Amino acid sequence: MNSVSVNQFRDNLKSYVEQTVNEHQPLKVTRRAGDDFVVMSADDWEREQETLHVLQSNSLMKQIAESMKTHTTNQGYKPTKEQLDEITNL
């Protein structure tokens, strides 16, 4: 994660915000007299929140583990040719 001082951030606010949104990389802003803070796009923040939700849910993590097990043993669901054609609109 890149880091800039609060003065640099303030002086170049527009460019740092554009960079953060376009590159999907959070930016750490440091302050001499206080806690640092992080700037990130709203989309990235929402994705992080969704990830945290999944990681904190025992039932979702169990479903993921079971899915990985069936995938690695090649025992997962296999759609028919007709189903695949429907999905791919062929």
N, C-alpha and C. Protein backbone atom coordinates (compact mmCIF):
# COMPACT_ATOMS: atom_id res chain seq x y z
N MET A 1 0.86 -1.17 0.00
CA MET A 1 0.00 0.00 0.00
C MET A 1 0.90 1.23 0.00
N ASN A 2 0.62 2.14 -0.91
CA ASN A 2 1.36 3.40 -0.95
C ASN A 2 0.95 4.28 0.23
N SER A 3 1.87 5.16 0.61
CA SER A 3 1.64 6.03 1.75
C SER A 3 2.06 7.46 1.40
N VAL A 4 1.25 8.43 1.82
CA VAL A 4 1.58 9.85 1.62
C VAL A 4 1.24 10.61 2.90
N SER A 5 1.88 11.75 3.05
CA SER A 5 1.55 12.59 4.21
C SER A 5 0.22 13.28 3.98
N VAL A 6 -0.40 13.71 5.05
CA VAL A 6 -1.68 14.40 4.94
C VAL A 6 -1.52 15.69 4.14
N ASN A 7 -0.36 16.34 4.24
CA ASN A 7 -0.13 17.57 3.46
C ASN A 7 -0.06 17.27 1.97
N GLN A 8 0.64 16.19 1.59
CA GLN A 8 0.70 15.80 0.18
C GLN A 8 -0.70 15.44 -0.32
N PHE A 9 -1.43 14.72 0.50
CA PHE A 9 -2.78 14.31 0.12
C PHE A 9 -3.68 15.53 -0.11
N ARG A 10 -3.63 16.47 0.82
CA ARG A 10 -4.46 17.67 0.71
C ARG A 10 -4.08 18.47 -0.55
N ASP A 11 -2.77 18.62 -0.81
CA ASP A 11 -2.31 19.43 -1.94
C ASP A 11 -2.65 18.78 -3.28
N ASN A 12 -2.78 17.47 -3.30
CA ASN A 12 -3.03 16.75 -4.56
C ASN A 12 -4.26 15.85 -4.45
N LEU A 13 -5.27 16.34 -3.76
CA LEU A 13 -6.46 15.55 -3.45
C LEU A 13 -7.06 14.89 -4.69
N LYS A 14 -7.31 15.67 -5.72
CA LYS A 14 -7.98 15.14 -6.92
C LYS A 14 -7.17 14.02 -7.55
N SER A 15 -5.88 14.20 -7.70
CA SER A 15 -5.08 13.17 -8.36
C SER A 15 -4.98 11.90 -7.50
N TYR A 16 -4.88 12.04 -6.18
CA TYR A 16 -4.83 10.86 -5.32
C TYR A 16 -6.16 10.10 -5.32
N VAL A 17 -7.25 10.83 -5.33
CA VAL A 17 -8.57 10.17 -5.38
C VAL A 17 -8.73 9.44 -6.71
N GLU A 18 -8.39 10.09 -7.80
CA GLU A 18 -8.48 9.45 -9.12
C GLU A 18 -7.61 8.20 -9.18
N GLN A 19 -6.39 8.30 -8.67
CA GLN A 19 -5.47 7.16 -8.66
C GLN A 19 -6.04 6.01 -7.84
N THR A 20 -6.59 6.33 -6.69
CA THR A 20 -7.15 5.30 -5.80
C THR A 20 -8.33 4.59 -6.46
N VAL A 21 -9.21 5.35 -7.09
CA VAL A 21 -10.38 4.77 -7.73
C VAL A 21 -9.99 3.97 -8.97
N ASN A 22 -9.13 4.52 -9.81
CA ASN A 22 -8.76 3.87 -11.08
C ASN A 22 -7.90 2.63 -10.89
N GLU A 23 -6.99 2.67 -9.93
CA GLU A 23 -6.07 1.55 -9.75
C GLU A 23 -6.55 0.53 -8.71
N HIS A 24 -7.66 0.83 -8.05
CA HIS A 24 -8.21 -0.06 -7.03
C HIS A 24 -7.17 -0.43 -5.98
N GLN A 25 -6.37 0.55 -5.60
CA GLN A 25 -5.37 0.38 -4.55
C GLN A 25 -5.63 1.39 -3.44
N PRO A 26 -5.76 0.93 -2.21
CA PRO A 26 -5.97 1.88 -1.11
C PRO A 26 -4.72 2.73 -0.91
N LEU A 27 -4.91 3.88 -0.31
CA LEU A 27 -3.82 4.82 -0.06
C LEU A 27 -3.81 5.15 1.43
N LYS A 28 -2.67 4.94 2.06
CA LYS A 28 -2.52 5.27 3.48
C LYS A 28 -2.07 6.72 3.59
N VAL A 29 -2.79 7.51 4.39
CA VAL A 29 -2.45 8.92 4.61
C VAL A 29 -1.96 9.04 6.05
N THR A 30 -0.74 9.53 6.18
CA THR A 30 -0.13 9.62 7.52
C THR A 30 -0.24 11.04 8.06
N ARG A 31 -0.41 11.10 9.39
CA ARG A 31 -0.52 12.39 10.07
C ARG A 31 0.49 12.42 11.21
N ARG A 32 1.10 13.58 11.41
CA ARG A 32 2.08 13.71 12.49
C ARG A 32 1.42 13.62 13.86
N ALA A 33 0.30 14.28 14.02
CA ALA A 33 -0.33 14.37 15.34
C ALA A 33 -1.67 13.65 15.35
N GLY A 34 -1.65 12.37 15.10
CA GLY A 34 -2.91 11.63 15.12
C GLY A 34 -2.78 10.32 14.38
N ASP A 35 -3.88 9.60 14.36
CA ASP A 35 -3.90 8.31 13.68
C ASP A 35 -3.88 8.49 12.17
N ASP A 36 -3.23 7.54 11.50
CA ASP A 36 -3.24 7.51 10.05
C ASP A 36 -4.63 7.07 9.58
N PHE A 37 -4.93 7.29 8.30
CA PHE A 37 -6.19 6.79 7.75
C PHE A 37 -5.96 6.28 6.35
N VAL A 38 -6.93 5.52 5.85
CA VAL A 38 -6.82 4.90 4.54
C VAL A 38 -7.94 5.41 3.65
N VAL A 39 -7.59 5.70 2.40
CA VAL A 39 -8.56 6.14 1.40
C VAL A 39 -8.70 5.01 0.38
N MET A 40 -9.96 4.63 0.11
CA MET A 40 -10.21 3.61 -0.91
C MET A 40 -11.54 3.90 -1.59
N SER A 41 -11.73 3.32 -2.78
CA SER A 41 -12.97 3.56 -3.51
C SER A 41 -14.13 2.88 -2.78
N ALA A 42 -15.32 3.38 -2.99
CA ALA A 42 -16.51 2.80 -2.37
C ALA A 42 -16.73 1.37 -2.86
N ASP A 43 -16.50 1.11 -4.15
CA ASP A 43 -16.66 -0.24 -4.68
C ASP A 43 -15.71 -1.21 -3.99
N ASP A 44 -14.45 -0.80 -3.82
CA ASP A 44 -13.47 -1.66 -3.16
C ASP A 44 -13.86 -1.89 -1.70
N TRP A 45 -14.37 -0.87 -1.03
CA TRP A 45 -14.78 -1.01 0.36
C TRP A 45 -15.94 -2.00 0.48
N GLU A 46 -16.91 -1.90 -0.45
CA GLU A 46 -18.05 -2.82 -0.42
C GLU A 46 -17.59 -4.26 -0.65
N ARG A 47 -16.64 -4.46 -1.57
CA ARG A 47 -16.11 -5.80 -1.80
C ARG A 47 -15.43 -6.34 -0.55
N GLU A 48 -14.67 -5.49 0.12
CA GLU A 48 -14.00 -5.89 1.36
C GLU A 48 -15.03 -6.30 2.41
N GLN A 49 -16.11 -5.55 2.51
CA GLN A 49 -17.15 -5.86 3.49
C GLN A 49 -17.82 -7.20 3.17
N GLU A 50 -18.06 -7.46 1.89
CA GLU A 50 -18.65 -8.73 1.49
C GLU A 50 -17.71 -9.89 1.82
N THR A 51 -16.43 -9.71 1.56
CA THR A 51 -15.44 -10.73 1.87
C THR A 51 -15.41 -11.01 3.37
N LEU A 52 -15.41 -9.95 4.17
CA LEU A 52 -15.41 -10.13 5.62
C LEU A 52 -16.66 -10.87 6.09
N HIS A 53 -17.79 -10.55 5.47
CA HIS A 53 -19.04 -11.24 5.83
C HIS A 53 -18.92 -12.74 5.57
N VAL A 54 -18.40 -13.10 4.40
CA VAL A 54 -18.25 -14.52 4.06
C VAL A 54 -17.28 -15.20 5.03
N LEU A 55 -16.15 -14.56 5.28
CA LEU A 55 -15.14 -15.15 6.16
C LEU A 55 -15.64 -15.33 7.59
N GLN A 56 -16.56 -14.49 8.02
CA GLN A 56 -17.08 -14.57 9.38
C GLN A 56 -18.27 -15.50 9.50
N SER A 57 -18.76 -16.01 8.39
CA SER A 57 -19.93 -16.89 8.40
C SER A 57 -19.48 -18.35 8.36
N ASN A 58 -19.71 -19.06 9.45
CA ASN A 58 -19.31 -20.47 9.50
C ASN A 58 -20.02 -21.29 8.43
N SER A 59 -21.31 -21.02 8.21
CA SER A 59 -22.05 -21.82 7.23
C SER A 59 -21.55 -21.58 5.81
N LEU A 60 -21.24 -20.33 5.47
CA LEU A 60 -20.72 -20.05 4.12
C LEU A 60 -19.33 -20.66 3.94
N MET A 61 -18.48 -20.59 4.96
CA MET A 61 -17.15 -21.17 4.86
C MET A 61 -17.23 -22.69 4.73
N LYS A 62 -18.21 -23.30 5.41
CA LYS A 62 -18.41 -24.75 5.29
C LYS A 62 -18.84 -25.10 3.87
N GLN A 63 -19.75 -24.32 3.29
CA GLN A 63 -20.19 -24.55 1.91
C GLN A 63 -19.02 -24.43 0.93
N ILE A 64 -18.16 -23.45 1.15
CA ILE A 64 -17.00 -23.26 0.27
C ILE A 64 -16.06 -24.46 0.39
N ALA A 65 -15.81 -24.92 1.62
CA ALA A 65 -14.92 -26.07 1.82
C ALA A 65 -15.49 -27.32 1.16
N GLU A 66 -16.79 -27.55 1.30
CA GLU A 66 -17.41 -28.71 0.66
C GLU A 66 -17.35 -28.61 -0.86
N SER A 67 -17.55 -27.43 -1.37
CA SER A 67 -17.47 -27.21 -2.82
C SER A 67 -16.06 -27.47 -3.33
N MET A 68 -15.07 -27.01 -2.59
CA MET A 68 -13.67 -27.24 -2.99
C MET A 68 -13.35 -28.74 -2.99
N LYS A 69 -13.91 -29.45 -2.01
CA LYS A 69 -13.66 -30.90 -1.91
C LYS A 69 -14.23 -31.60 -3.14
N THR A 70 -15.48 -31.28 -3.51
CA THR A 70 -16.08 -31.94 -4.67
C THR A 70 -15.38 -31.52 -5.96
N HIS A 71 -14.90 -30.30 -6.01
CA HIS A 71 -14.19 -29.83 -7.20
C HIS A 71 -12.85 -30.57 -7.36
N THR A 72 -12.08 -30.66 -6.29
CA THR A 72 -10.76 -31.29 -6.39
C THR A 72 -10.85 -32.78 -6.64
N THR A 73 -11.95 -33.41 -6.23
CA THR A 73 -12.12 -34.84 -6.49
C THR A 73 -12.94 -35.09 -7.76
N ASN A 74 -13.23 -34.02 -8.48
CA ASN A 74 -13.98 -34.09 -9.75
C ASN A 74 -15.34 -34.76 -9.56
N GLN A 75 -15.98 -34.46 -8.44
CA GLN A 75 -17.29 -35.03 -8.16
C GLN A 75 -18.38 -33.96 -8.15
N GLY A 76 -18.06 -32.77 -8.63
CA GLY A 76 -19.02 -31.68 -8.62
C GLY A 76 -20.09 -31.83 -9.67
N TYR A 77 -21.02 -30.91 -9.67
CA TYR A 77 -22.13 -30.90 -10.62
C TYR A 77 -21.61 -30.68 -12.03
N LYS A 78 -22.13 -31.46 -12.98
CA LYS A 78 -21.75 -31.31 -14.37
C LYS A 78 -23.01 -31.06 -15.19
N PRO A 79 -23.16 -29.86 -15.74
CA PRO A 79 -24.37 -29.58 -16.53
C PRO A 79 -24.37 -30.39 -17.82
N THR A 80 -25.58 -30.63 -18.35
CA THR A 80 -25.71 -31.33 -19.63
C THR A 80 -25.34 -30.38 -20.75
N LYS A 81 -25.18 -30.92 -21.95
CA LYS A 81 -24.86 -30.09 -23.12
C LYS A 81 -25.96 -29.06 -23.34
N GLU A 82 -27.23 -29.47 -23.16
CA GLU A 82 -28.34 -28.55 -23.34
C GLU A 82 -28.28 -27.39 -22.32
N GLN A 83 -27.95 -27.73 -21.10
CA GLN A 83 -27.83 -26.68 -20.08
C GLN A 83 -26.68 -25.73 -20.41
N LEU A 84 -25.56 -26.28 -20.85
CA LEU A 84 -24.43 -25.43 -21.24
C LEU A 84 -24.79 -24.53 -22.41
N ASP A 85 -25.49 -25.10 -23.39
CA ASP A 85 -25.91 -24.30 -24.54
C ASP A 85 -26.84 -23.16 -24.10
N GLU A 86 -27.72 -23.46 -23.17
CA GLU A 86 -28.64 -22.45 -22.67
C GLU A 86 -27.87 -21.33 -21.95
N ILE A 87 -26.91 -21.73 -21.17
CA ILE A 87 -26.10 -20.75 -20.42
C ILE A 87 -25.31 -19.87 -21.37
N THR A 88 -24.71 -20.48 -22.40
CA THR A 88 -23.87 -19.72 -23.32
C THR A 88 -24.65 -19.16 -24.51
N ASN A 89 -25.96 -19.40 -24.54
CA ASN A 89 -26.84 -18.87 -25.60
C ASN A 89 -26.45 -19.36 -26.99
N LEU A 90 -26.09 -20.61 -27.11
CA LEU A 90 -25.74 -21.17 -28.43
C LEU A 90 -26.94 -21.80 -29.08
